[in-house]
Amino acid sequence: MDTDLIDIHTHILPGLDDGAPSLQKAVEMAAIAARDGIKSLVATPHVMRGAFENNRTDILKKVQDL
């Protein structure tokens, strides 16, 4: 039985929280995930007033960049 793996909690979007510090590192993280058999990643950046002031526009821009 072949199973597609999906990582449903990643901090892969660069520069938004405590995850990938740069676009280059985010691309490396995605490549490692693919090599390990992960077919899809769900980006889950922190959104927390006073700590991680991320908004929809910034998050979508990082998704497009990646």
PDB file of N, CA and C in Angstrom:
ATOM      1  N   MET A   1       0.845  -1.185   0.000  1.00  0.00           N
ATOM      2  CA  MET A   1       0.000   0.000   0.000  1.00  0.00           C
ATOM      3  C   MET A   1       0.883   1.239   0.000  1.00  0.00           C
ATOM      4  N   ASP A   2       0.673   2.108  -0.975  1.00  0.00           N
ATOM      5  CA  ASP A   2       1.438   3.347  -1.093  1.00  0.00           C
ATOM      6  C   ASP A   2       0.644   4.474  -0.433  1.00  0.00           C
ATOM      7  N   THR A   3       1.265   5.155   0.500  1.00  0.00           N
ATOM      8  CA  THR A   3       0.586   6.218   1.230  1.00  0.00           C
ATOM      9  C   THR A   3       1.275   7.547   0.971  1.00  0.00           C
ATOM     10  N   ASP A   4       0.499   8.560   0.602  1.00  0.00           N
ATOM     11  CA  ASP A   4       1.042   9.907   0.460  1.00  0.00           C
ATOM     12  C   ASP A   4       1.085  10.557   1.833  1.00  0.00           C
ATOM     13  N   LEU A   5       2.254  11.052   2.205  1.00  0.00           N
ATOM     14  CA  LEU A   5       2.405  11.715   3.492  1.00  0.00           C
ATOM     15  C   LEU A   5       2.167  13.209   3.332  1.00  0.00           C
ATOM     16  N   ILE A   6       1.456  13.783   4.295  1.00  0.00           N
ATOM     17  CA  ILE A   6       1.191  15.217   4.328  1.00  0.00           C
ATOM     18  C   ILE A   6       1.628  15.723   5.691  1.00  0.00           C
ATOM     19  N   ASP A   7       2.507  16.720   5.700  1.00  0.00           N
ATOM     20  CA  ASP A   7       2.923  17.352   6.953  1.00  0.00           C
ATOM     21  C   ASP A   7       1.951  18.500   7.209  1.00  0.00           C
ATOM     22  N   ILE A   8       1.136  18.370   8.243  1.00  0.00           N
ATOM     23  CA  ILE A   8       0.074  19.348   8.481  1.00  0.00           C
ATOM     24  C   ILE A   8       0.466  20.450   9.466  1.00  0.00           C
ATOM     25  N   HIS A   9       1.731  20.512   9.842  1.00  0.00           N
ATOM     26  CA  HIS A   9       2.169  21.571  10.762  1.00  0.00           C
ATOM     27  C   HIS A   9       3.627  21.906  10.469  1.00  0.00           C
ATOM     28  N   THR A  10       3.835  22.879   9.588  1.00  0.00           N
ATOM     29  CA  THR A  10       5.201  23.302   9.281  1.00  0.00           C
ATOM     30  C   THR A  10       5.343  24.803   9.457  1.00  0.00           C
ATOM     31  N   HIS A  11       6.512  25.195   9.861  1.00  0.00           N
ATOM     32  CA  HIS A  11       6.872  26.609   9.952  1.00  0.00           C
ATOM     33  C   HIS A  11       7.888  26.875   8.851  1.00  0.00           C
ATOM     34  N   ILE A  12       7.443  26.666   7.619  1.00  0.00           N
ATOM     35  CA  ILE A  12       8.323  26.719   6.459  1.00  0.00           C
ATOM     36  C   ILE A  12       8.366  28.107   5.822  1.00  0.00           C
ATOM     37  N   LEU A  13       7.367  28.934   6.059  1.00  0.00           N
ATOM     38  CA  LEU A  13       7.359  30.253   5.425  1.00  0.00           C
ATOM     39  C   LEU A  13       8.435  31.132   6.051  1.00  0.00           C
ATOM     40  N   PRO A  14       9.335  31.650   5.229  1.00  0.00           N
ATOM     41  CA  PRO A  14      10.520  32.328   5.756  1.00  0.00           C
ATOM     42  C   PRO A  14      10.230  33.677   6.416  1.00  0.00           C
ATOM     43  N   GLY A  15      10.869  33.863   7.572  1.00  0.00           N
ATOM     44  CA  GLY A  15      10.866  35.150   8.238  1.00  0.00           C
ATOM     45  C   GLY A  15       9.587  35.538   8.956  1.00  0.00           C
ATOM     46  N   LEU A  16       8.648  34.628   9.114  1.00  0.00           N
ATOM     47  CA  LEU A  16       7.386  34.985   9.758  1.00  0.00           C
ATOM     48  C   LEU A  16       7.334  34.628  11.236  1.00  0.00           C
ATOM     49  N   ASP A  17       8.056  33.611  11.633  1.00  0.00           N
ATOM     50  CA  ASP A  17       7.987  33.176  13.026  1.00  0.00           C
ATOM     51  C   ASP A  17       9.285  32.467  13.388  1.00  0.00           C
ATOM     52  N   ASP A  18       9.211  31.429  14.166  1.00  0.00           N
ATOM     53  CA  ASP A  18      10.407  30.722  14.622  1.00  0.00           C
ATOM     54  C   ASP A  18      10.816  29.590  13.686  1.00  0.00           C
ATOM     55  N   GLY A  19      10.338  29.636  12.453  1.00  0.00           N
ATOM     56  CA  GLY A  19      10.676  28.602  11.475  1.00  0.00           C
ATOM     57  C   GLY A  19      11.816  29.019  10.568  1.00  0.00           C
ATOM     58  N   ALA A  20      11.635  28.806   9.280  1.00  0.00           N
ATOM     59  CA  ALA A  20      12.684  29.082   8.296  1.00  0.00           C
ATOM     60  C   ALA A  20      13.128  30.546   8.379  1.00  0.00           C
ATOM     61  N   PRO A  21      14.441  30.776   8.538  1.00  0.00           N
ATOM     62  CA  PRO A  21      14.931  32.147   8.642  1.00  0.00           C
ATOM     63  C   PRO A  21      15.078  32.853   7.294  1.00  0.00           C
ATOM     64  N   SER A  22      15.062  32.086   6.203  1.00  0.00           N
ATOM     65  CA  SER A  22      15.272  32.683   4.881  1.00  0.00           C
ATOM     66  C   SER A  22      14.570  31.842   3.823  1.00  0.00           C
ATOM     67  N   LEU A  23      14.405  32.425   2.644  1.00  0.00           N
ATOM     68  CA  LEU A  23      13.801  31.691   1.541  1.00  0.00           C
ATOM     69  C   LEU A  23      14.659  30.490   1.172  1.00  0.00           C
ATOM     70  N   GLN A  24      15.978  30.662   1.178  1.00  0.00           N
ATOM     71  CA  GLN A  24      16.883  29.552   0.857  1.00  0.00           C
ATOM     72  C   GLN A  24      16.671  28.381   1.815  1.00  0.00           C
ATOM     73  N   LYS A  25      16.568  28.666   3.103  1.00  0.00           N
ATOM     74  CA  LYS A  25      16.347  27.596   4.089  1.00  0.00           C
ATOM     75  C   LYS A  25      14.976  26.947   3.902  1.00  0.00           C
ATOM     76  N   ALA A  26      13.972  27.744   3.552  1.00  0.00           N
ATOM     77  CA  ALA A  26      12.635  27.197   3.320  1.00  0.00           C
ATOM     78  C   ALA A  26      12.650  26.235   2.138  1.00  0.00           C
ATOM     79  N   VAL A  27      13.363  26.605   1.081  1.00  0.00           N
ATOM     80  CA  VAL A  27      13.481  25.724  -0.083  1.00  0.00           C
ATOM     81  C   VAL A  27      14.210  24.440   0.310  1.00  0.00           C
ATOM     82  N   GLU A  28      15.261  24.564   1.117  1.00  0.00           N
ATOM     83  CA  GLU A  28      15.981  23.377   1.599  1.00  0.00           C
ATOM     84  C   GLU A  28      15.056  22.488   2.428  1.00  0.00           C
ATOM     85  N   MET A  29      14.247  23.095   3.291  1.00  0.00           N
ATOM     86  CA  MET A  29      13.303  22.324   4.105  1.00  0.00           C
ATOM     87  C   MET A  29      12.310  21.573   3.223  1.00  0.00           C
ATOM     88  N   ALA A  30      11.812  22.239   2.186  1.00  0.00           N
ATOM     89  CA  ALA A  30      10.864  21.595   1.272  1.00  0.00           C
ATOM     90  C   ALA A  30      11.522  20.434   0.537  1.00  0.00           C
ATOM     91  N   ALA A  31      12.774  20.619   0.130  1.00  0.00           N
ATOM     92  CA  ALA A  31      13.498  19.551  -0.572  1.00  0.00           C
ATOM     93  C   ALA A  31      13.711  18.344   0.341  1.00  0.00           C
ATOM     94  N   ILE A  32      14.055  18.598   1.588  1.00  0.00           N
ATOM     95  CA  ILE A  32      14.246  17.506   2.553  1.00  0.00           C
ATOM     96  C   ILE A  32      12.927  16.764   2.769  1.00  0.00           C
ATOM     97  N   ALA A  33      11.845  17.518   2.908  1.00  0.00           N
ATOM     98  CA  ALA A  33      10.533  16.890   3.091  1.00  0.00           C
ATOM     99  C   ALA A  33      10.191  16.003   1.899  1.00  0.00           C
ATOM    100  N   ALA A  34      10.427  16.506   0.694  1.00  0.00           N
ATOM    101  CA  ALA A  34      10.141  15.718  -0.515  1.00  0.00           C
ATOM    102  C   ALA A  34      11.000  14.460  -0.551  1.00  0.00           C
ATOM    103  N   ARG A  35      12.265  14.607  -0.208  1.00  0.00           N
ATOM    104  CA  ARG A  35      13.169  13.455  -0.183  1.00  0.00           C
ATOM    105  C   ARG A  35      12.709  12.405   0.822  1.00  0.00           C
ATOM    106  N   ASP A  36      12.110  12.871   1.908  1.00  0.00           N
ATOM    107  CA  ASP A  36      11.624  11.963   2.949  1.00  0.00           C
ATOM    108  C   ASP A  36      10.242  11.388   2.643  1.00  0.00           C
ATOM    109  N   GLY A  37       9.700  11.713   1.472  1.00  0.00           N
ATOM    110  CA  GLY A  37       8.434  11.129   1.055  1.00  0.00           C
ATOM    111  C   GLY A  37       7.199  11.957   1.342  1.00  0.00           C
ATOM    112  N   ILE A  38       7.385  13.164   1.834  1.00  0.00           N
ATOM    113  CA  ILE A  38       6.238  14.029   2.106  1.00  0.00           C
ATOM    114  C   ILE A  38       5.778  14.648   0.792  1.00  0.00           C
ATOM    115  N   LYS A  39       4.502  14.485   0.479  1.00  0.00           N
ATOM    116  CA  LYS A  39       3.943  14.954  -0.792  1.00  0.00           C
ATOM    117  C   LYS A  39       3.371  16.361  -0.701  1.00  0.00           C
ATOM    118  N   SER A  40       2.918  16.757   0.486  1.00  0.00           N
ATOM    119  CA  SER A  40       2.316  18.079   0.676  1.00  0.00           C
ATOM    120  C   SER A  40       2.723  18.632   2.034  1.00  0.00           C
ATOM    121  N   LEU A  41       2.856  19.954   2.092  1.00  0.00           N
ATOM    122  CA  LEU A  41       3.151  20.653   3.340  1.00  0.00           C
ATOM    123  C   LEU A  41       2.045  21.664   3.598  1.00  0.00           C
ATOM    124  N   VAL A  42       1.642  21.783   4.844  1.00  0.00           N
ATOM    125  CA  VAL A  42       0.696  22.816   5.243  1.00  0.00           C
ATOM    126  C   VAL A  42       1.475  23.823   6.074  1.00  0.00           C
ATOM    127  N   ALA A  43       1.575  25.043   5.558  1.00  0.00           N
ATOM    128  CA  ALA A  43       2.286  26.097   6.283  1.00  0.00           C
ATOM    129  C   ALA A  43       1.399  26.606   7.415  1.00  0.00           C
ATOM    130  N   THR A  44       1.953  26.636   8.613  1.00  0.00           N
ATOM    131  CA  THR A  44       1.184  27.053   9.787  1.00  0.00           C
ATOM    132  C   THR A  44       1.971  28.089  10.587  1.00  0.00           C
ATOM    133  N   PRO A  45       2.126  29.291  10.029  1.00  0.00           N
ATOM    134  CA  PRO A  45       2.872  30.315  10.762  1.00  0.00           C
ATOM    135  C   PRO A  45       2.111  30.759  12.013  1.00  0.00           C
ATOM    136  N   HIS A  46       2.870  31.138  13.021  1.00  0.00           N
ATOM    137  CA  HIS A  46       2.247  31.692  14.223  1.00  0.00           C
ATOM    138  C   HIS A  46       1.598  33.030  13.882  1.00  0.00           C
ATOM    139  N   VAL A  47       0.447  33.281  14.449  1.00  0.00           N
ATOM    140  CA  VAL A  47      -0.200  34.586  14.394  1.00  0.00           C
ATOM    141  C   VAL A  47      -0.599  34.894  15.830  1.00  0.00           C
ATOM    142  N   MET A  48       0.192  35.774  16.466  1.00  0.00           N
ATOM    143  CA  MET A  48      -0.005  36.018  17.886  1.00  0.00           C
ATOM    144  C   MET A  48       0.300  37.492  18.183  1.00  0.00           C
ATOM    145  N   ARG A  49      -0.716  38.215  18.603  1.00  0.00           N
ATOM    146  CA  ARG A  49      -0.546  39.627  18.918  1.00  0.00           C
ATOM    147  C   ARG A  49       0.553  39.804  19.965  1.00  0.00           C
ATOM    148  N   GLY A  50       1.482  40.692  19.671  1.00  0.00           N
ATOM    149  CA  GLY A  50       2.568  40.976  20.591  1.00  0.00           C
ATOM    150  C   GLY A  50       3.790  40.106  20.401  1.00  0.00           C
ATOM    151  N   ALA A  51       3.662  39.030  19.647  1.00  0.00           N
ATOM    152  CA  ALA A  51       4.806  38.137  19.437  1.00  0.00           C
ATOM    153  C   ALA A  51       5.077  37.927  17.950  1.00  0.00           C
ATOM    154  N   PHE A  52       4.079  37.488  17.219  1.00  0.00           N
ATOM    155  CA  PHE A  52       4.199  37.247  15.777  1.00  0.00           C
ATOM    156  C   PHE A  52       3.050  37.986  15.100  1.00  0.00           C
ATOM    157  N   GLU A  53       3.323  39.200  14.661  1.00  0.00           N
ATOM    158  CA  GLU A  53       2.291  40.076  14.095  1.00  0.00           C
ATOM    159  C   GLU A  53       2.078  39.786  12.611  1.00  0.00           C
ATOM    160  N   ASN A  54       1.822  38.545  12.272  1.00  0.00           N
ATOM    161  CA  ASN A  54       1.618  38.163  10.876  1.00  0.00           C
ATOM    162  C   ASN A  54       0.179  38.441  10.465  1.00  0.00           C
ATOM    163  N   ASN A  55       0.028  38.858   9.220  1.00  0.00           N
ATOM    164  CA  ASN A  55      -1.310  39.098   8.692  1.00  0.00           C
ATOM    165  C   ASN A  55      -1.472  38.350   7.373  1.00  0.00           C
ATOM    166  N   ARG A  56      -2.691  38.313   6.896  1.00  0.00           N
ATOM    167  CA  ARG A  56      -3.023  37.546   5.690  1.00  0.00           C
ATOM    168  C   ARG A  56      -2.157  37.957   4.500  1.00  0.00           C
ATOM    169  N   THR A  57      -1.988  39.248   4.299  1.00  0.00           N
ATOM    170  CA  THR A  57      -1.209  39.745   3.162  1.00  0.00           C
ATOM    171  C   THR A  57       0.228  39.252   3.224  1.00  0.00           C
ATOM    172  N   ASP A  58       0.861  39.377   4.384  1.00  0.00           N
ATOM    173  CA  ASP A  58       2.253  38.936   4.540  1.00  0.00           C
ATOM    174  C   ASP A  58       2.383  37.427   4.351  1.00  0.00           C
ATOM    175  N   ILE A  59       1.452  36.680   4.909  1.00  0.00           N
ATOM    176  CA  ILE A  59       1.498  35.220   4.797  1.00  0.00           C
ATOM    177  C   ILE A  59       1.344  34.794   3.342  1.00  0.00           C
ATOM    178  N   LEU A  60       0.369  35.365   2.635  1.00  0.00           N
ATOM    179  CA  LEU A  60       0.163  34.998   1.232  1.00  0.00           C
ATOM    180  C   LEU A  60       1.354  35.378   0.364  1.00  0.00           C
ATOM    181  N   LYS A  61       2.006  36.489   0.660  1.00  0.00           N
ATOM    182  CA  LYS A  61       3.213  36.894  -0.080  1.00  0.00           C
ATOM    183  C   LYS A  61       4.311  35.856   0.098  1.00  0.00           C
ATOM    184  N   LYS A  62       4.508  35.387   1.314  1.00  0.00           N
ATOM    185  CA  LYS A  62       5.535  34.371   1.576  1.00  0.00           C
ATOM    186  C   LYS A  62       5.201  33.056   0.881  1.00  0.00           C
ATOM    187  N   VAL A  63       3.916  32.708   0.828  1.00  0.00           N
ATOM    188  CA  VAL A  63       3.503  31.504   0.101  1.00  0.00           C
ATOM    189  C   VAL A  63       3.860  31.656  -1.373  1.00  0.00           C
ATOM    190  N   GLN A  64       3.545  32.805  -1.955  1.00  0.00           N
ATOM    191  CA  GLN A  64       3.869  33.052  -3.364  1.00  0.00           C
ATOM    192  C   GLN A  64       5.372  33.002  -3.599  1.00  0.00           C
ATOM    193  N   ASP A  65       6.147  33.592  -2.702  1.00  0.00           N
ATOM    194  CA  ASP A  65       7.609  33.593  -2.841  1.00  0.00           C
ATOM    195  C   ASP A  65       8.165  32.176  -2.834  1.00  0.00           C
ATOM    196  N   LEU A  66       7.621  31.350  -1.950  1.00  0.00           N
ATOM    197  CA  LEU A  66       8.116  29.978  -1.822  1.00  0.00           C
ATOM    198  C   LEU A  66       7.656  29.137  -2.994  1.00  0.00           C
TER     199      LEU A  66
END
